[in-house]
Structure formats: C-alpha cells, structure tokens
Protein backbone atom coordinates (compact mmCIF):
# COMPACT_ATOMS: atom_id res chain seq x y z
CA UNK A 1 120.17 108.29 181.86
CA UNK A 2 116.76 107.95 183.11
CA UNK A 3 114.95 110.14 185.61
CA UNK A 4 111.32 108.80 187.26
CA UNK A 5 109.53 111.21 189.27
CA UNK A 6 105.83 111.77 190.22
CA UNK A 7 103.97 115.33 189.59
CA UNK A 8 100.64 116.48 191.53
CA UNK A 9 98.74 116.49 194.93
CA UNK A 10 95.08 114.44 194.44
CA UNK A 11 95.81 113.04 190.62
CA UNK A 12 99.65 111.62 190.41
CA UNK A 13 101.02 111.57 187.27
CA UNK A 14 104.38 109.53 186.49
CA UNK A 15 106.71 111.23 184.33
CA UNK A 16 110.04 109.71 182.82
CA UNK A 17 113.24 111.74 181.07
CA UNK A 18 115.20 109.35 179.38
CA UNK A 19 118.15 110.43 177.37
CA UNK A 20 120.14 107.78 175.03
CA UNK A 21 123.61 109.21 174.33
CA UNK A 22 123.96 106.74 171.50
CA UNK A 23 120.80 108.32 169.58
CA UNK A 24 120.97 111.87 171.07
CA UNK A 25 117.39 111.29 171.70
CA UNK A 26 115.41 113.03 174.55
CA UNK A 27 111.85 111.45 175.54
CA UNK A 28 109.63 112.40 178.06
CA UNK A 29 106.79 109.82 179.00
CA UNK A 30 103.89 110.90 181.55
CA UNK A 31 101.64 107.81 182.51
CA UNK A 32 103.20 105.42 180.26
CA UNK A 33 102.58 107.58 176.80
CA UNK A 34 104.70 109.62 175.13
CA UNK A 35 104.64 113.47 175.85
CA UNK A 36 107.54 115.07 173.99
CA UNK A 37 110.78 113.53 172.13
CA UNK A 38 113.66 115.83 171.41
CA UNK A 39 117.09 115.46 169.83
CA UNK A 40 119.80 116.36 172.57
CA UNK A 41 121.65 120.16 172.17
CA UNK A 42 125.08 119.40 172.98
CA UNK A 43 126.08 123.00 172.68
CA UNK A 44 124.77 124.43 175.82
CA UNK A 45 122.20 124.40 178.82
CA UNK A 46 118.61 123.01 177.37
CA UNK A 47 115.25 122.93 178.60
CA UNK A 48 112.99 120.31 177.75
CA UNK A 49 109.21 120.98 177.96
CA UNK A 50 105.86 118.49 178.44
CA UNK A 51 102.79 118.78 180.03
CA UNK A 52 101.49 116.34 182.88
CA UNK A 53 97.84 117.05 183.51
CA UNK A 54 97.55 120.36 184.11
CA UNK A 55 101.32 120.97 185.33
CA UNK A 56 103.73 122.17 183.15
CA UNK A 57 106.76 119.85 183.56
CA UNK A 58 110.58 121.40 182.59
CA UNK A 59 113.85 119.48 182.90
CA UNK A 60 116.98 121.89 182.30
CA UNK A 61 119.82 119.75 181.08
CA UNK A 62 123.41 121.73 182.58
CA UNK A 63 126.28 121.47 181.05
CA UNK A 64 129.28 123.18 180.48
CA UNK A 65 130.45 124.75 177.20
CA UNK A 66 133.88 123.46 176.63
CA UNK A 67 133.15 119.77 175.23
CA UNK A 68 129.62 119.92 176.12
CA UNK A 69 129.08 116.61 175.10
CA UNK A 70 131.69 114.99 176.93
CA UNK A 71 131.33 116.91 180.49
CA UNK A 72 128.83 115.32 183.26
CA UNK A 73 125.40 116.92 183.25
CA UNK A 74 123.23 117.66 185.92
CA UNK A 75 119.19 117.83 185.83
CA UNK A 76 116.92 120.08 187.41
CA UNK A 77 113.08 119.65 187.41
CA UNK A 78 110.84 122.02 187.68
CA UNK A 79 106.96 121.94 187.56
CA UNK A 80 105.00 124.78 186.96
CA UNK A 81 108.06 127.34 186.88
CA UNK A 82 109.19 125.93 190.61
CA UNK A 83 112.12 123.96 191.11
CA UNK A 84 111.06 120.52 192.58
CA UNK A 85 114.04 117.89 191.80
CA UNK A 86 117.72 118.05 191.19
CA UNK A 87 119.55 115.06 189.75
CA UNK A 88 123.08 114.22 189.48
CA UNK A 89 125.15 112.95 186.15
CA UNK A 90 123.88 109.59 186.99
CA UNK A 91 120.45 110.21 187.73
CA UNK A 92 120.85 110.16 191.65
CA UNK A 93 118.08 112.70 193.18
CA UNK A 94 120.16 115.42 194.93
CA UNK A 95 119.13 116.84 198.40
CA UNK A 96 118.27 120.33 197.59
CA UNK A 97 119.33 123.11 200.13
CA UNK A 98 115.99 124.49 202.25
CA UNK A 99 115.18 128.01 203.07
CA UNK A 100 115.60 129.07 206.69
C-alpha cells in the first residue's frame, strides 16, 4: 500500500505513506527522506505522525476491531490537525463531503 500527497502552500513537500503487509512496517517519507518508521498495530485505529517542513502530518489508519488484520482499512490524512484527504483500502483518494 502506498499513498502519496503534497502538503504546503509556498514550499510544497511530497509525503509518502507506505505499508508493507508482509513485514508489517509503516514508513513516512518526506521529500525522499525517511521521516518516521513504525510497526503496524493490527488491533485498532492507529495514527502515524511526522513533520513535513513546518507542517504536522498524521495518517490515521481506520479498521474494524474484529479480525482487524484481515479487514479493509481506510486512511485519513490530517495536516496541522485538519482533515486533508481520505483514501480507501486500495489507496484511491475518496472525495470528501463539502460543508454547505
């Protein structure tokens, strides 16, 4: 699984979130450099964090509790605490609802 997105207004930062189901590792890569590495927590929703320049980036993995390792996951990306993007279990960006 690999998610890619850019953050920033004036200075853009390329962020990659990679998840190896085989090894159970999560990597957050910013501008081609490893920013954080984690072991996957299969038990519940988990948030992974890193810095991209002046921005705090969080990727929340949302999964069911029952047999969590085998359930579909969704991904929510937050930048400085604000929801920025959502992805489905295949890494495809999901259109977010707009406030009226």
